[in-house]
Amino acid sequence: MAQKSRIRKQKSDKPIAAVEVLGYGGGFVRASSGNFIRITDIAGGQIGDLYAIAADDHEEFTSPSVTRLYNLTKFPRIGQSFYSNLERPLLCFVEDHSPGLHDMMMASCSKPFFESFGMEDHPNCHDNYFKTAAEAGITHRFKPDPINIFQNTPVMPDGSILAGITMTRPGDYVVLRAQADIILILTACSTEAINLCKSSPLRFEVFTQKPA
């Protein structure tokens, strides 16, 4: 009987969808309500810009400001939800196996942002979002604000924001649970200065049960 239980557990731990998001790139997965999503930093020191879009209405998506309003925290704690612009919970924060540094204050890097530093045609999460969204069949005029997984940009006592180095180690991960049928987009942040001097891959997986 114990052997059969182990076999069932092994099967439940197998992802029903898995995508490797390349450095300087983006990827998407689809998740049904109740599915679990795991985001893993493969090499360490890499931020992921995450977005969740309602599968039946692409104009509903995760909103950092609405999320802060409902939770009264800068970033959800374990057990709290990420809310949409229509004030509906779309994702629950289930587990955090990382240093616990995340952000919902900063916009995605963009072409104009890099141009302000004299960097022309630099890969960026703004463009990668729209490219990946189009691949998922989503069209927006404006991009949603990101949930910056693993990003170390705390607000200092004087109100300034510290652009800190990403502190994750290889294999660090977070687990989320879908609270609606959603499409999730993840881009690997292209700002080398806070990503250990390069953009590296992230693993994006969906499970029917919470992965062990």
N, C-alpha and C. Protein backbone atom coordinates (compact mmCIF):
# COMPACT_ATOMS: atom_id res chain seq x y z
N MET A 1 0.84 -1.21 0.00
CA MET A 1 0.00 0.00 0.00
C MET A 1 0.87 1.26 0.00
N ALA A 2 1.96 1.23 0.82
CA ALA A 2 2.86 2.38 0.87
C ALA A 2 3.52 2.63 -0.48
N GLN A 3 3.85 1.54 -1.18
CA GLN A 3 4.47 1.67 -2.50
C GLN A 3 3.50 2.34 -3.48
N LYS A 4 2.22 1.96 -3.45
CA LYS A 4 1.24 2.58 -4.33
C LYS A 4 1.09 4.06 -4.02
N SER A 5 1.13 4.44 -2.74
CA SER A 5 1.02 5.85 -2.36
C SER A 5 2.17 6.65 -2.92
N ARG A 6 3.38 6.06 -2.88
CA ARG A 6 4.54 6.76 -3.42
C ARG A 6 4.39 6.97 -4.92
N ILE A 7 3.86 5.98 -5.62
CA ILE A 7 3.67 6.10 -7.06
C ILE A 7 2.67 7.21 -7.37
N ARG A 8 1.56 7.25 -6.61
CA ARG A 8 0.57 8.31 -6.84
C ARG A 8 1.18 9.68 -6.61
N LYS A 9 2.00 9.82 -5.58
CA LYS A 9 2.61 11.11 -5.28
C LYS A 9 3.55 11.53 -6.38
N GLN A 10 4.33 10.59 -6.90
CA GLN A 10 5.24 10.91 -7.99
C GLN A 10 4.47 11.42 -9.20
N LYS A 11 3.33 10.80 -9.51
CA LYS A 11 2.54 11.23 -10.66
C LYS A 11 1.98 12.64 -10.44
N SER A 12 1.50 12.93 -9.19
CA SER A 12 0.92 14.23 -8.92
C SER A 12 1.96 15.35 -8.98
N ASP A 13 3.23 15.00 -8.76
CA ASP A 13 4.29 15.99 -8.78
C ASP A 13 4.74 16.32 -10.20
N LYS A 14 4.25 15.60 -11.19
CA LYS A 14 4.65 15.88 -12.56
C LYS A 14 3.87 17.07 -13.09
N PRO A 15 4.56 18.10 -13.63
CA PRO A 15 3.83 19.27 -14.13
C PRO A 15 2.98 18.95 -15.35
N ILE A 16 1.85 19.61 -15.45
CA ILE A 16 1.01 19.45 -16.64
C ILE A 16 1.42 20.45 -17.73
N ALA A 17 2.22 21.42 -17.35
CA ALA A 17 2.80 22.37 -18.31
C ALA A 17 4.12 22.85 -17.74
N ALA A 18 5.12 22.99 -18.59
CA ALA A 18 6.43 23.46 -18.15
C ALA A 18 7.09 24.25 -19.27
N VAL A 19 7.58 25.41 -18.94
CA VAL A 19 8.23 26.30 -19.90
C VAL A 19 9.52 26.82 -19.29
N GLU A 20 10.60 26.81 -20.05
CA GLU A 20 11.82 27.49 -19.62
C GLU A 20 11.85 28.86 -20.27
N VAL A 21 11.78 29.89 -19.43
CA VAL A 21 11.83 31.26 -19.92
C VAL A 21 13.30 31.66 -20.04
N LEU A 22 13.76 31.88 -21.25
CA LEU A 22 15.16 32.18 -21.46
C LEU A 22 15.51 33.57 -20.95
N GLY A 23 16.78 33.77 -20.62
CA GLY A 23 17.24 35.09 -20.26
C GLY A 23 16.92 36.09 -21.36
N TYR A 24 16.52 37.30 -20.98
CA TYR A 24 16.12 38.36 -21.92
C TYR A 24 14.89 37.96 -22.73
N GLY A 25 14.11 37.00 -22.24
CA GLY A 25 12.94 36.54 -22.99
C GLY A 25 11.70 36.46 -22.13
N GLY A 26 10.67 35.83 -22.69
CA GLY A 26 9.41 35.66 -21.98
C GLY A 26 8.76 34.35 -22.33
N GLY A 27 7.78 33.95 -21.54
CA GLY A 27 7.03 32.72 -21.79
C GLY A 27 5.68 32.79 -21.09
N PHE A 28 4.77 31.89 -21.46
CA PHE A 28 3.46 31.88 -20.84
C PHE A 28 2.99 30.46 -20.59
N VAL A 29 2.09 30.32 -19.61
CA VAL A 29 1.41 29.06 -19.33
C VAL A 29 -0.05 29.37 -19.05
N ARG A 30 -0.89 28.37 -19.19
CA ARG A 30 -2.31 28.49 -18.85
C ARG A 30 -2.56 27.65 -17.61
N ALA A 31 -3.37 28.17 -16.69
CA ALA A 31 -3.68 27.46 -15.46
C ALA A 31 -5.17 27.56 -15.18
N SER A 32 -5.75 26.45 -14.75
CA SER A 32 -7.15 26.43 -14.34
C SER A 32 -7.25 26.74 -12.85
N SER A 33 -8.40 27.20 -12.44
CA SER A 33 -8.62 27.49 -11.02
C SER A 33 -8.29 26.25 -10.19
N GLY A 34 -7.48 26.43 -9.17
CA GLY A 34 -7.05 25.33 -8.31
C GLY A 34 -5.69 24.76 -8.66
N ASN A 35 -5.19 25.04 -9.87
CA ASN A 35 -3.85 24.59 -10.25
C ASN A 35 -2.79 25.36 -9.45
N PHE A 36 -1.62 24.74 -9.33
CA PHE A 36 -0.49 25.36 -8.65
C PHE A 36 0.57 25.75 -9.68
N ILE A 37 1.21 26.87 -9.45
CA ILE A 37 2.23 27.38 -10.36
C ILE A 37 3.53 27.52 -9.58
N ARG A 38 4.59 26.97 -10.11
CA ARG A 38 5.92 27.10 -9.49
C ARG A 38 6.84 27.88 -10.42
N ILE A 39 7.51 28.88 -9.86
CA ILE A 39 8.50 29.67 -10.60
C ILE A 39 9.85 29.46 -9.93
N THR A 40 10.81 28.95 -10.69
CA THR A 40 12.11 28.60 -10.15
C THR A 40 13.20 29.42 -10.82
N ASP A 41 14.10 29.97 -10.00
CA ASP A 41 15.28 30.66 -10.51
C ASP A 41 16.36 29.61 -10.73
N ILE A 42 16.63 29.29 -11.97
CA ILE A 42 17.51 28.16 -12.29
C ILE A 42 18.96 28.42 -11.87
N ALA A 43 19.51 29.56 -12.27
CA ALA A 43 20.92 29.84 -12.02
C ALA A 43 21.14 30.70 -10.79
N GLY A 44 20.09 31.35 -10.29
CA GLY A 44 20.21 32.27 -9.16
C GLY A 44 20.40 33.70 -9.62
N GLY A 45 19.97 34.64 -8.77
CA GLY A 45 20.16 36.05 -9.05
C GLY A 45 19.34 36.59 -10.20
N GLN A 46 18.12 36.06 -10.44
CA GLN A 46 17.32 36.48 -11.58
C GLN A 46 15.90 36.87 -11.16
N ILE A 47 15.47 38.04 -11.60
CA ILE A 47 14.12 38.53 -11.35
C ILE A 47 13.17 38.03 -12.44
N GLY A 48 11.93 37.75 -12.06
CA GLY A 48 10.89 37.42 -13.03
C GLY A 48 9.74 38.40 -12.92
N ASP A 49 9.37 39.03 -14.01
CA ASP A 49 8.21 39.91 -14.06
C ASP A 49 6.99 39.06 -14.39
N LEU A 50 6.05 38.97 -13.45
CA LEU A 50 4.91 38.06 -13.58
C LEU A 50 3.61 38.83 -13.78
N TYR A 51 2.74 38.29 -14.63
CA TYR A 51 1.42 38.86 -14.90
C TYR A 51 0.43 37.71 -14.97
N ALA A 52 -0.77 37.90 -14.42
CA ALA A 52 -1.85 36.93 -14.57
C ALA A 52 -3.03 37.63 -15.22
N ILE A 53 -3.54 37.04 -16.30
CA ILE A 53 -4.64 37.61 -17.07
C ILE A 53 -5.80 36.62 -17.06
N ALA A 54 -7.00 37.12 -16.79
CA ALA A 54 -8.18 36.25 -16.78
C ALA A 54 -8.36 35.61 -18.15
N ALA A 55 -8.59 34.30 -18.18
CA ALA A 55 -8.69 33.58 -19.45
C ALA A 55 -9.91 34.01 -20.25
N ASP A 56 -10.99 34.42 -19.57
CA ASP A 56 -12.23 34.75 -20.28
C ASP A 56 -12.40 36.25 -20.53
N ASP A 57 -11.48 37.07 -20.02
CA ASP A 57 -11.56 38.52 -20.22
C ASP A 57 -10.16 39.09 -20.09
N HIS A 58 -9.52 39.34 -21.22
CA HIS A 58 -8.12 39.76 -21.20
C HIS A 58 -7.93 41.18 -20.69
N GLU A 59 -9.02 41.89 -20.44
CA GLU A 59 -8.92 43.21 -19.82
C GLU A 59 -8.95 43.14 -18.29
N GLU A 60 -9.01 41.92 -17.75
CA GLU A 60 -8.87 41.73 -16.30
C GLU A 60 -7.52 41.08 -16.04
N PHE A 61 -6.73 41.70 -15.18
CA PHE A 61 -5.37 41.21 -14.92
C PHE A 61 -4.93 41.66 -13.52
N THR A 62 -3.88 41.02 -13.02
CA THR A 62 -3.39 41.35 -11.68
C THR A 62 -3.00 42.82 -11.59
N SER A 63 -3.38 43.42 -10.46
CA SER A 63 -3.11 44.83 -10.20
C SER A 63 -2.34 44.97 -8.89
N PRO A 64 -1.07 45.38 -8.93
CA PRO A 64 -0.33 45.59 -7.68
C PRO A 64 -1.01 46.59 -6.74
N SER A 65 -1.57 47.67 -7.28
CA SER A 65 -2.18 48.68 -6.40
C SER A 65 -3.42 48.14 -5.71
N VAL A 66 -4.28 47.41 -6.44
CA VAL A 66 -5.46 46.82 -5.81
C VAL A 66 -5.05 45.77 -4.79
N THR A 67 -4.00 45.01 -5.10
CA THR A 67 -3.49 44.00 -4.18
C THR A 67 -3.01 44.64 -2.88
N ARG A 68 -2.30 45.75 -2.97
CA ARG A 68 -1.86 46.45 -1.77
C ARG A 68 -3.06 46.96 -0.97
N LEU A 69 -4.08 47.43 -1.66
CA LEU A 69 -5.28 47.93 -0.99
C LEU A 69 -5.94 46.85 -0.14
N TYR A 70 -6.11 45.65 -0.69
CA TYR A 70 -6.80 44.59 0.02
C TYR A 70 -5.96 43.96 1.13
N ASN A 71 -4.65 43.83 0.90
CA ASN A 71 -3.79 43.15 1.87
C ASN A 71 -3.16 44.10 2.89
N LEU A 72 -3.09 45.39 2.55
CA LEU A 72 -2.41 46.38 3.38
C LEU A 72 -0.95 45.99 3.64
N THR A 73 -0.33 45.42 2.62
CA THR A 73 1.09 45.09 2.65
C THR A 73 1.71 45.51 1.32
N LYS A 74 3.03 45.74 1.31
CA LYS A 74 3.72 46.09 0.07
C LYS A 74 3.74 44.92 -0.90
N PHE A 75 3.75 43.69 -0.34
CA PHE A 75 3.73 42.46 -1.14
C PHE A 75 2.97 41.43 -0.33
N PRO A 76 2.16 40.58 -0.98
CA PRO A 76 1.38 39.61 -0.21
C PRO A 76 2.24 38.71 0.67
N ARG A 77 1.70 38.38 1.82
CA ARG A 77 2.30 37.36 2.68
C ARG A 77 1.76 36.00 2.26
N ILE A 78 2.41 34.94 2.75
CA ILE A 78 1.93 33.59 2.45
C ILE A 78 0.48 33.47 2.88
N GLY A 79 -0.37 32.96 1.98
CA GLY A 79 -1.79 32.81 2.25
C GLY A 79 -2.63 33.97 1.74
N GLN A 80 -1.99 35.08 1.37
CA GLN A 80 -2.72 36.22 0.82
C GLN A 80 -2.78 36.13 -0.70
N SER A 81 -3.68 36.92 -1.29
CA SER A 81 -3.93 36.85 -2.72
C SER A 81 -3.39 38.06 -3.47
N PHE A 82 -3.19 37.86 -4.76
CA PHE A 82 -2.96 38.94 -5.72
C PHE A 82 -4.30 39.22 -6.39
N TYR A 83 -4.74 40.47 -6.34
CA TYR A 83 -6.06 40.84 -6.84
C TYR A 83 -5.96 41.46 -8.23
N SER A 84 -7.08 41.41 -8.95
CA SER A 84 -7.14 41.96 -10.30
C SER A 84 -7.60 43.41 -10.26
N ASN A 85 -7.52 44.05 -11.41
CA ASN A 85 -8.03 45.42 -11.56
C ASN A 85 -9.54 45.49 -11.38
N LEU A 86 -10.23 44.32 -11.41
CA LEU A 86 -11.66 44.25 -11.13
C LEU A 86 -11.93 43.77 -9.70
N GLU A 87 -10.86 43.77 -8.89
CA GLU A 87 -10.94 43.49 -7.45
C GLU A 87 -11.37 42.05 -7.16
N ARG A 88 -10.86 41.13 -7.98
CA ARG A 88 -11.11 39.71 -7.78
C ARG A 88 -9.77 39.01 -7.53
N PRO A 89 -9.69 38.09 -6.56
CA PRO A 89 -8.43 37.36 -6.35
C PRO A 89 -8.16 36.41 -7.51
N LEU A 90 -6.96 36.53 -8.09
CA LEU A 90 -6.58 35.67 -9.21
C LEU A 90 -5.52 34.65 -8.82
N LEU A 91 -4.67 34.99 -7.84
CA LEU A 91 -3.58 34.12 -7.43
C LEU A 91 -3.42 34.18 -5.92
N CYS A 92 -3.10 33.04 -5.31
CA CYS A 92 -2.76 32.99 -3.89
C CYS A 92 -1.28 32.66 -3.74
N PHE A 93 -0.61 33.34 -2.83
CA PHE A 93 0.81 33.11 -2.56
C PHE A 93 0.90 31.94 -1.57
N VAL A 94 1.38 30.81 -2.02
CA VAL A 94 1.32 29.57 -1.24
C VAL A 94 2.63 29.26 -0.51
N GLU A 95 3.76 29.32 -1.20
CA GLU A 95 5.05 28.99 -0.59
C GLU A 95 6.13 29.91 -1.14
N ASP A 96 7.14 30.17 -0.30
CA ASP A 96 8.27 30.99 -0.72
C ASP A 96 9.56 30.33 -0.25
N HIS A 97 10.27 29.71 -1.18
CA HIS A 97 11.56 29.07 -0.89
C HIS A 97 12.66 29.91 -1.52
N SER A 98 12.75 31.15 -1.07
CA SER A 98 13.74 32.12 -1.54
C SER A 98 14.06 33.04 -0.37
N PRO A 99 14.96 34.00 -0.54
CA PRO A 99 15.20 34.95 0.56
C PRO A 99 13.98 35.80 0.92
N GLY A 100 12.91 35.72 0.14
CA GLY A 100 11.69 36.43 0.49
C GLY A 100 11.65 37.88 0.04
N LEU A 101 12.52 38.25 -0.89
CA LEU A 101 12.57 39.61 -1.40
C LEU A 101 11.84 39.69 -2.74
N HIS A 102 10.73 40.42 -2.76
CA HIS A 102 9.92 40.58 -3.96
C HIS A 102 9.44 42.03 -4.03
N ASP A 103 8.85 42.42 -5.16
CA ASP A 103 8.50 43.83 -5.35
C ASP A 103 7.20 43.97 -6.13
N MET A 104 6.43 45.00 -5.79
CA MET A 104 5.27 45.39 -6.60
C MET A 104 5.23 46.91 -6.77
N MET A 105 6.38 47.57 -6.62
CA MET A 105 6.44 49.02 -6.72
C MET A 105 6.94 49.49 -8.08
N MET A 106 7.83 48.71 -8.69
CA MET A 106 8.56 49.15 -9.87
C MET A 106 7.89 48.69 -11.16
N ALA A 107 7.93 49.56 -12.17
CA ALA A 107 7.48 49.18 -13.51
C ALA A 107 8.51 48.27 -14.17
N SER A 108 8.12 47.65 -15.26
CA SER A 108 9.06 46.82 -16.03
C SER A 108 10.09 47.70 -16.71
N CYS A 109 11.27 47.13 -16.95
CA CYS A 109 12.27 47.82 -17.77
C CYS A 109 11.71 47.95 -19.19
N SER A 110 12.15 48.98 -19.90
CA SER A 110 11.59 49.29 -21.22
C SER A 110 12.68 49.88 -22.11
N LYS A 111 12.37 50.00 -23.39
CA LYS A 111 13.31 50.60 -24.33
C LYS A 111 13.67 52.03 -23.93
N PRO A 112 12.69 52.92 -23.62
CA PRO A 112 13.05 54.27 -23.19
C PRO A 112 13.88 54.29 -21.91
N PHE A 113 13.61 53.35 -21.00
CA PHE A 113 14.40 53.29 -19.76
C PHE A 113 15.87 53.04 -20.07
N PHE A 114 16.15 52.07 -20.93
CA PHE A 114 17.55 51.79 -21.26
C PHE A 114 18.16 52.90 -22.10
N GLU A 115 17.36 53.52 -22.96
CA GLU A 115 17.87 54.63 -23.76
C GLU A 115 18.30 55.80 -22.89
N SER A 116 17.65 55.97 -21.73
CA SER A 116 18.03 57.06 -20.83
C SER A 116 19.44 56.85 -20.27
N PHE A 117 19.95 55.62 -20.35
CA PHE A 117 21.32 55.32 -19.93
C PHE A 117 22.25 55.15 -21.13
N GLY A 118 21.78 55.54 -22.32
CA GLY A 118 22.60 55.45 -23.52
C GLY A 118 22.67 54.06 -24.10
N MET A 119 21.73 53.19 -23.76
CA MET A 119 21.73 51.80 -24.23
C MET A 119 20.63 51.64 -25.27
N GLU A 120 21.01 51.57 -26.53
CA GLU A 120 20.05 51.49 -27.63
C GLU A 120 19.63 50.04 -27.90
N ASP A 121 18.34 49.85 -28.19
CA ASP A 121 17.80 48.54 -28.60
C ASP A 121 18.13 47.44 -27.60
N HIS A 122 18.08 47.75 -26.32
CA HIS A 122 18.35 46.75 -25.29
C HIS A 122 17.10 45.89 -25.08
N PRO A 123 17.25 44.56 -24.95
CA PRO A 123 16.09 43.73 -24.62
C PRO A 123 15.43 44.24 -23.34
N ASN A 124 14.10 44.12 -23.26
CA ASN A 124 13.42 44.66 -22.09
C ASN A 124 12.10 43.93 -21.86
N CYS A 125 11.64 44.00 -20.61
CA CYS A 125 10.43 43.26 -20.23
C CYS A 125 9.16 43.86 -20.82
N HIS A 126 9.15 45.16 -21.08
CA HIS A 126 7.99 45.78 -21.70
C HIS A 126 7.72 45.16 -23.07
N ASP A 127 8.73 45.14 -23.93
CA ASP A 127 8.57 44.56 -25.26
C ASP A 127 8.35 43.05 -25.19
N ASN A 128 9.05 42.39 -24.27
CA ASN A 128 8.89 40.94 -24.15
C ASN A 128 7.50 40.56 -23.67
N TYR A 129 6.88 41.42 -22.85
CA TYR A 129 5.50 41.15 -22.44
C TYR A 129 4.59 41.15 -23.67
N PHE A 130 4.66 42.19 -24.47
CA PHE A 130 3.76 42.28 -25.62
C PHE A 130 4.01 41.16 -26.63
N LYS A 131 5.27 40.77 -26.81
CA LYS A 131 5.60 39.67 -27.72
C LYS A 131 4.98 38.37 -27.20
N THR A 132 5.16 38.11 -25.90
CA THR A 132 4.63 36.87 -25.32
C THR A 132 3.11 36.89 -25.26
N ALA A 133 2.53 38.05 -24.94
CA ALA A 133 1.07 38.16 -24.90
C ALA A 133 0.47 37.85 -26.26
N ALA A 134 1.09 38.35 -27.33
CA ALA A 134 0.59 38.07 -28.68
C ALA A 134 0.64 36.58 -28.97
N GLU A 135 1.69 35.91 -28.51
CA GLU A 135 1.80 34.46 -28.71
C GLU A 135 0.69 33.72 -27.96
N ALA A 136 0.24 34.31 -26.84
CA ALA A 136 -0.83 33.69 -26.05
C ALA A 136 -2.22 34.11 -26.51
N GLY A 137 -2.28 34.94 -27.57
CA GLY A 137 -3.57 35.39 -28.08
C GLY A 137 -4.16 36.56 -27.33
N ILE A 138 -3.31 37.31 -26.64
CA ILE A 138 -3.75 38.46 -25.84
C ILE A 138 -3.30 39.74 -26.51
N THR A 139 -4.19 40.70 -26.63
CA THR A 139 -3.83 42.01 -27.15
C THR A 139 -4.26 43.07 -26.14
N HIS A 140 -3.32 43.91 -25.75
CA HIS A 140 -3.58 45.03 -24.86
C HIS A 140 -3.05 46.29 -25.52
N ARG A 141 -3.71 47.41 -25.26
CA ARG A 141 -3.13 48.69 -25.65
C ARG A 141 -2.06 49.10 -24.65
N PHE A 142 -2.34 48.86 -23.36
CA PHE A 142 -1.41 49.19 -22.30
C PHE A 142 -1.03 47.93 -21.54
N LYS A 143 0.22 47.87 -21.09
CA LYS A 143 0.71 46.70 -20.37
C LYS A 143 0.35 46.79 -18.89
N PRO A 144 -0.09 45.70 -18.27
CA PRO A 144 -0.31 45.71 -16.82
C PRO A 144 1.00 45.95 -16.07
N ASP A 145 0.89 46.44 -14.84
CA ASP A 145 2.08 46.54 -13.99
C ASP A 145 2.49 45.15 -13.52
N PRO A 146 3.78 44.93 -13.33
CA PRO A 146 4.26 43.58 -13.01
C PRO A 146 4.25 43.25 -11.53
N ILE A 147 4.26 41.96 -11.26
CA ILE A 147 4.61 41.41 -9.94
C ILE A 147 6.05 40.95 -10.09
N ASN A 148 6.97 41.61 -9.41
CA ASN A 148 8.40 41.37 -9.62
C ASN A 148 8.91 40.33 -8.63
N ILE A 149 8.84 39.06 -9.05
CA ILE A 149 9.28 37.95 -8.22
C ILE A 149 10.80 37.98 -8.08
N PHE A 150 11.28 37.83 -6.85
CA PHE A 150 12.71 37.78 -6.50
C PHE A 150 13.40 39.15 -6.58
N GLN A 151 12.67 40.23 -6.81
CA GLN A 151 13.32 41.54 -6.98
C GLN A 151 13.59 42.20 -5.63
N ASN A 152 14.83 42.65 -5.44
CA ASN A 152 15.29 43.24 -4.19
C ASN A 152 15.35 44.77 -4.34
N THR A 153 14.19 45.42 -4.21
CA THR A 153 14.12 46.87 -4.33
C THR A 153 13.29 47.44 -3.18
N PRO A 154 13.82 47.39 -1.96
CA PRO A 154 13.06 47.87 -0.80
C PRO A 154 12.96 49.38 -0.77
N VAL A 155 11.89 49.86 -0.13
CA VAL A 155 11.72 51.29 0.12
C VAL A 155 12.48 51.63 1.40
N MET A 156 13.37 52.63 1.32
CA MET A 156 14.20 53.01 2.45
C MET A 156 13.45 53.98 3.37
N PRO A 157 13.93 54.19 4.59
CA PRO A 157 13.24 55.09 5.54
C PRO A 157 13.02 56.50 5.01
N ASP A 158 13.92 56.98 4.13
CA ASP A 158 13.75 58.33 3.59
C ASP A 158 12.82 58.38 2.38
N GLY A 159 12.23 57.23 2.03
CA GLY A 159 11.31 57.17 0.90
C GLY A 159 11.96 56.80 -0.41
N SER A 160 13.27 56.75 -0.48
CA SER A 160 13.96 56.34 -1.71
C SER A 160 13.86 54.83 -1.87
N ILE A 161 14.08 54.36 -3.10
CA ILE A 161 14.03 52.93 -3.40
C ILE A 161 15.44 52.43 -3.70
N LEU A 162 15.86 51.39 -3.00
CA LEU A 162 17.19 50.81 -3.18
C LEU A 162 17.15 49.79 -4.31
N ALA A 163 17.98 49.97 -5.33
CA ALA A 163 18.10 49.00 -6.42
C ALA A 163 19.13 47.95 -6.00
N GLY A 164 18.69 46.97 -5.22
CA GLY A 164 19.60 45.97 -4.68
C GLY A 164 19.80 44.79 -5.61
N ILE A 165 20.91 44.09 -5.41
CA ILE A 165 21.21 42.89 -6.18
C ILE A 165 20.23 41.78 -5.80
N THR A 166 19.77 41.03 -6.78
CA THR A 166 18.87 39.90 -6.54
C THR A 166 19.58 38.83 -5.73
N MET A 167 18.97 38.37 -4.65
CA MET A 167 19.65 37.53 -3.66
C MET A 167 19.34 36.04 -3.79
N THR A 168 18.56 35.63 -4.77
CA THR A 168 18.20 34.22 -4.89
C THR A 168 19.41 33.36 -5.24
N ARG A 169 19.33 32.09 -4.78
CA ARG A 169 20.34 31.09 -5.10
C ARG A 169 19.79 30.15 -6.17
N PRO A 170 20.65 29.40 -6.84
CA PRO A 170 20.15 28.45 -7.84
C PRO A 170 19.12 27.49 -7.24
N GLY A 171 17.98 27.37 -7.89
CA GLY A 171 16.94 26.46 -7.43
C GLY A 171 15.92 27.07 -6.50
N ASP A 172 16.10 28.31 -6.07
CA ASP A 172 15.08 28.97 -5.24
C ASP A 172 13.78 29.09 -6.03
N TYR A 173 12.64 29.01 -5.32
CA TYR A 173 11.37 29.04 -6.04
C TYR A 173 10.24 29.56 -5.17
N VAL A 174 9.15 29.93 -5.83
CA VAL A 174 7.89 30.27 -5.15
C VAL A 174 6.79 29.41 -5.75
N VAL A 175 5.73 29.20 -4.96
CA VAL A 175 4.57 28.45 -5.42
C VAL A 175 3.33 29.32 -5.24
N LEU A 176 2.51 29.39 -6.27
CA LEU A 176 1.25 30.14 -6.27
C LEU A 176 0.11 29.20 -6.61
N ARG A 177 -1.13 29.58 -6.26
CA ARG A 177 -2.30 28.79 -6.63
C ARG A 177 -3.27 29.67 -7.42
N ALA A 178 -3.70 29.19 -8.56
CA ALA A 178 -4.66 29.94 -9.37
C ALA A 178 -6.01 29.95 -8.68
N GLN A 179 -6.64 31.12 -8.59
CA GLN A 179 -7.96 31.26 -8.01
C GLN A 179 -9.03 31.55 -9.06
N ALA A 180 -8.61 31.46 -10.32
CA ALA A 180 -9.50 31.61 -11.47
C ALA A 180 -8.77 30.98 -12.65
N ASP A 181 -9.47 30.78 -13.76
CA ASP A 181 -8.81 30.32 -14.98
C ASP A 181 -8.02 31.50 -15.55
N ILE A 182 -6.71 31.32 -15.66
CA ILE A 182 -5.84 32.45 -16.01
C ILE A 182 -4.77 32.04 -17.02
N ILE A 183 -4.23 33.06 -17.67
CA ILE A 183 -3.02 32.93 -18.47
C ILE A 183 -1.93 33.70 -17.73
N LEU A 184 -0.80 33.05 -17.50
CA LEU A 184 0.30 33.70 -16.79
C LEU A 184 1.44 33.96 -17.75
N ILE A 185 1.95 35.17 -17.71
CA ILE A 185 3.10 35.58 -18.51
C ILE A 185 4.26 35.88 -17.57
N LEU A 186 5.44 35.39 -17.91
CA LEU A 186 6.64 35.62 -17.11
C LEU A 186 7.76 36.07 -18.03
N THR A 187 8.41 37.18 -17.69
CA THR A 187 9.56 37.64 -18.45
C THR A 187 10.78 37.68 -17.53
N ALA A 188 11.93 37.32 -18.08
CA ALA A 188 13.18 37.36 -17.33
C ALA A 188 13.76 38.76 -17.42
N CYS A 189 13.82 39.45 -16.28
CA CYS A 189 14.26 40.85 -16.25
C CYS A 189 15.59 41.02 -16.97
N SER A 190 15.66 42.09 -17.77
CA SER A 190 16.84 42.33 -18.61
C SER A 190 17.80 43.36 -18.03
N THR A 191 17.53 43.84 -16.82
CA THR A 191 18.40 44.85 -16.20
C THR A 191 19.58 44.15 -15.53
N GLU A 192 20.70 44.08 -16.24
CA GLU A 192 21.85 43.30 -15.77
C GLU A 192 22.37 43.76 -14.41
N ALA A 193 22.29 45.06 -14.13
CA ALA A 193 22.90 45.61 -12.92
C ALA A 193 22.34 44.99 -11.65
N ILE A 194 21.09 44.53 -11.66
CA ILE A 194 20.51 43.92 -10.46
C ILE A 194 20.25 42.43 -10.64
N ASN A 195 20.71 41.86 -11.76
CA ASN A 195 20.54 40.43 -12.05
C ASN A 195 21.88 39.73 -12.22
N LEU A 196 22.85 40.05 -11.36
CA LEU A 196 24.17 39.43 -11.40
C LEU A 196 24.82 39.56 -12.77
N CYS A 197 24.65 40.75 -13.40
CA CYS A 197 25.35 41.16 -14.63
C CYS A 197 24.84 40.48 -15.90
N LYS A 198 23.74 39.71 -15.81
CA LYS A 198 23.17 39.12 -17.01
C LYS A 198 21.74 38.70 -16.71
N SER A 199 20.98 38.39 -17.75
CA SER A 199 19.64 37.84 -17.59
C SER A 199 19.71 36.34 -17.83
N SER A 200 19.20 35.54 -16.90
CA SER A 200 19.32 34.09 -16.98
C SER A 200 17.95 33.42 -16.90
N PRO A 201 17.85 32.13 -17.21
CA PRO A 201 16.55 31.47 -17.36
C PRO A 201 15.78 31.28 -16.05
N LEU A 202 14.47 31.20 -16.20
CA LEU A 202 13.55 30.86 -15.13
C LEU A 202 12.71 29.66 -15.59
N ARG A 203 12.31 28.80 -14.64
CA ARG A 203 11.44 27.67 -14.98
C ARG A 203 10.03 27.99 -14.50
N PHE A 204 9.06 27.73 -15.38
CA PHE A 204 7.66 28.10 -15.19
C PHE A 204 6.85 26.81 -15.31
N GLU A 205 6.21 26.33 -14.22
CA GLU A 205 5.52 25.04 -14.23
C GLU A 205 4.11 25.16 -13.65
N VAL A 206 3.21 24.32 -14.14
CA VAL A 206 1.84 24.23 -13.63
C VAL A 206 1.58 22.80 -13.17
N PHE A 207 0.94 22.65 -12.00
CA PHE A 207 0.63 21.35 -11.40
C PHE A 207 -0.84 21.28 -11.02
N THR A 208 -1.40 20.08 -11.03
CA THR A 208 -2.77 19.92 -10.56
C THR A 208 -2.82 19.89 -9.03
N GLN A 209 -1.72 19.47 -8.39
CA GLN A 209 -1.63 19.46 -6.93
C GLN A 209 -0.38 20.19 -6.51
N LYS A 210 -0.34 20.62 -5.25
CA LYS A 210 0.83 21.35 -4.77
C LYS A 210 2.07 20.47 -4.89
N PRO A 211 3.12 20.94 -5.57
CA PRO A 211 4.32 20.11 -5.75
C PRO A 211 5.05 19.94 -4.43
N ALA A 212 5.60 18.74 -4.25
CA ALA A 212 6.35 18.46 -3.03
C ALA A 212 7.68 19.19 -3.06
